[in-house]
Structures are given as C-alpha cells and as structure tokens.
Amino acid sequence: MEQNIPTETTGKFEAFIEWLKSLWDKVDIKQWAEDIGGSSSEAVQAAIYFGLGFAFGFLFKKYFKFVFFSLLVAIVLILVLQYNRVLDIDWKALNVLLGFEPSADIGVVLNSMFDWIKQNLIIFISSTVGFLIGYKLG
C-alpha cells in the first residue's frame, strides 16, 4: 500500500537534498586543510575528534547525575578500603602505568598535559568545541 505524500513536501525535500549534494560537492576537505596549514588526514582526524567530543558532551549532560554519583561512591569506597588497609594502592606503580615518572607530582602531570595540548592543538580544539556543542544540545 503506497502512502500519498503531498507533492509540495516532496518537492521541498528533494530541493533540500539537491542543495545538500551541491554543498557537499563544493566542499573540498583537502584544499580547506591545506589553506589552514594542515593535511587532509588532520582534517579527518579533527572531524573524528569533534564527533567523539560531541557524543561525550551529549551523553555527559544526559547522564551526569548517574556518572557523578557513581564516581563519588566509588571514590569514597576506595578511600574507606584504603583507610582500613583492605586495599593498598601503589601510587608509584600507577604513575609508571600512566607514563609518568614514579616520583611525579601534580605539577609534572599538569605540565605534561599542557605539553600534549600544545602538540595536538587542532585535536584539542575540535574535541572541546564538539563537547560544548554536544553538551548544549543534550
């Protein structure tokens, strides 16, 4: 059984699809990336991180309360277990696992984070913008 869709709506939809196709044909990612001083792979990588940031921002806003209280309960539980000597955390081994020096303090960790941001500025900006847009729309 066919549905009768009004031709006025169909015409607008087809016009929109045609406009979208023409816009896609005009977009040249390789040329755009070279204009801003990068390569097409960096543009694709930035787009991927934008999408991931958008998804995290969207999900963060939707499930913030659940994630926050789950993390809060987990941290309190770990601290109580560590205080009662049921759980022993080897902080030096954890630093080595995360790629820091065994004697690294919070200053070293922050400096290495800022160094990573400087080296991957496009990825950081695209994922941050994606996160903020996802958070706003979530």
Protein backbone atom coordinates (compact mmCIF):
# COMPACT_ATOMS: atom_id res chain seq x y z
CA MET A 1 0.00 0.00 0.00
CA GLU A 2 1.50 3.31 -1.04
CA GLN A 3 1.28 6.40 1.04
CA ASN A 4 0.35 9.56 -0.73
CA ILE A 5 2.81 12.23 0.27
CA PRO A 6 1.85 15.73 -0.77
CA THR A 7 3.94 16.89 -3.72
CA GLU A 8 4.66 20.22 -2.03
CA THR A 9 6.51 18.45 0.81
CA THR A 10 8.24 16.08 -1.59
CA GLY A 11 9.41 18.97 -3.73
CA LYS A 12 10.87 20.82 -0.75
CA PHE A 13 12.60 17.69 0.46
CA GLU A 14 14.10 16.96 -2.96
CA ALA A 15 15.22 20.58 -3.25
CA PHE A 16 16.87 20.33 0.15
CA ILE A 17 18.64 17.10 -0.84
CA GLU A 18 19.86 18.69 -4.07
CA TRP A 19 21.14 21.72 -2.15
CA LEU A 20 22.92 19.40 0.30
CA LYS A 21 24.52 17.46 -2.58
CA SER A 22 25.70 20.66 -4.26
CA LEU A 23 27.12 21.89 -0.97
CA TRP A 24 28.96 18.59 -0.47
CA ASP A 25 30.40 18.82 -3.99
CA LYS A 26 31.70 22.32 -3.27
CA VAL A 27 33.43 21.28 -0.03
CA ASP A 28 36.99 20.23 -0.72
CA ILE A 29 38.44 18.96 2.54
CA LYS A 30 41.92 18.61 1.11
CA GLN A 31 42.03 22.20 -0.15
CA TRP A 32 40.45 23.51 3.07
CA ALA A 33 43.01 21.69 5.20
CA GLU A 34 45.90 22.99 3.09
CA ASP A 35 44.55 26.53 3.41
CA ILE A 36 44.71 26.36 7.20
CA GLY A 37 48.14 24.75 7.12
CA GLY A 38 47.33 21.11 7.67
CA SER A 39 46.72 17.96 5.69
CA SER A 40 43.54 16.16 4.79
CA SER A 41 44.32 13.47 7.35
CA GLU A 42 44.47 16.12 10.07
CA ALA A 43 41.09 17.47 8.93
CA VAL A 44 39.57 13.98 9.08
CA GLN A 45 41.18 13.40 12.46
CA ALA A 46 39.77 16.72 13.73
CA ALA A 47 36.33 15.75 12.44
CA ILE A 48 36.52 12.39 14.22
CA TYR A 49 37.52 14.03 17.49
CA PHE A 50 34.78 16.62 17.05
CA GLY A 51 32.27 13.78 16.70
CA LEU A 52 33.64 11.99 19.75
CA GLY A 53 33.60 15.21 21.75
CA PHE A 54 30.03 15.85 20.64
CA ALA A 55 28.97 12.35 21.73
CA PHE A 56 30.70 12.69 25.10
CA GLY A 57 29.16 16.12 25.67
CA PHE A 58 25.70 14.90 24.74
CA LEU A 59 25.95 11.81 26.96
CA PHE A 60 27.59 13.80 29.76
CA LYS A 61 24.63 16.13 30.01
CA LYS A 62 22.10 13.29 29.80
CA TYR A 63 23.77 11.04 32.36
CA PHE A 64 25.77 13.50 34.50
CA LYS A 65 23.95 12.75 37.77
CA PHE A 66 24.33 8.99 37.41
CA VAL A 67 28.01 9.18 36.45
CA PHE A 68 28.80 11.77 39.14
CA PHE A 69 27.20 9.80 41.97
CA SER A 70 28.70 6.53 40.72
CA LEU A 71 32.18 8.06 40.70
CA LEU A 72 31.59 9.66 44.08
CA VAL A 73 30.51 6.34 45.61
CA ALA A 74 33.48 4.54 44.01
CA ILE A 75 35.98 7.11 45.29
CA VAL A 76 34.53 7.05 48.81
CA LEU A 77 34.54 3.23 48.77
CA ILE A 78 38.17 3.11 47.62
CA LEU A 79 39.23 5.65 50.24
CA VAL A 80 37.43 3.75 53.02
CA LEU A 81 39.01 0.46 51.90
CA GLN A 82 42.43 2.07 51.74
CA TYR A 83 42.00 3.67 55.19
CA ASN A 84 41.06 0.28 56.70
CA ARG A 85 44.07 -1.35 54.97
CA VAL A 86 41.86 -3.65 52.90
CA LEU A 87 43.13 -2.05 49.71
CA ASP A 88 46.67 -0.84 49.12
CA ILE A 89 47.34 1.46 46.17
CA ASP A 90 50.90 1.62 44.89
CA TRP A 91 50.93 5.23 43.63
CA LYS A 92 54.42 4.91 42.11
CA ALA A 93 53.36 1.90 40.05
CA LEU A 94 50.21 3.77 38.99
CA ASN A 95 52.36 6.71 37.82
CA VAL A 96 54.53 4.34 35.80
CA LEU A 97 51.42 2.70 34.31
CA LEU A 98 50.12 6.11 33.21
CA GLY A 99 53.50 7.01 31.68
CA PHE A 100 54.77 9.43 34.32
CA GLU A 101 57.91 9.30 36.41
CA PRO A 102 57.49 7.33 39.64
CA SER A 103 58.08 10.45 41.71
CA ALA A 104 55.81 12.69 39.61
CA ASP A 105 53.61 15.13 41.46
CA ILE A 106 50.57 17.06 40.27
CA GLY A 107 52.75 19.80 38.73
CA VAL A 108 54.53 17.31 36.47
CA VAL A 109 51.20 15.81 35.43
CA LEU A 110 49.74 19.24 34.61
CA ASN A 111 52.85 20.25 32.65
CA SER A 112 52.71 17.07 30.58
CA MET A 113 49.01 17.67 29.91
CA PHE A 114 49.71 21.20 28.67
CA ASP A 115 52.58 19.89 26.52
CA TRP A 116 50.21 17.37 24.93
CA ILE A 117 47.67 20.14 24.28
CA LYS A 118 50.36 22.27 22.60
CA GLN A 119 51.38 19.35 20.35
CA ASN A 120 47.79 18.40 19.45
CA LEU A 121 46.10 21.79 19.36
CA ILE A 122 43.73 21.01 16.47
CA ILE A 123 42.53 17.80 18.12
CA PHE A 124 42.06 19.55 21.47
CA ILE A 125 40.11 22.46 19.98
CA SER A 126 37.88 20.27 17.79
CA SER A 127 37.06 17.86 20.61
CA THR A 128 36.41 20.74 23.04
CA VAL A 129 34.10 22.50 20.58
CA GLY A 130 32.34 19.19 19.89
CA PHE A 131 31.92 18.56 23.61
CA LEU A 132 30.46 22.03 24.22
CA ILE A 133 28.02 21.75 21.31
CA GLY A 134 27.00 18.23 22.41
CA TYR A 135 26.54 19.46 25.96
CA LYS A 136 24.42 22.38 24.78
CA LEU A 137 22.20 20.15 22.61
CA GLY A 138 21.99 17.30 25.12
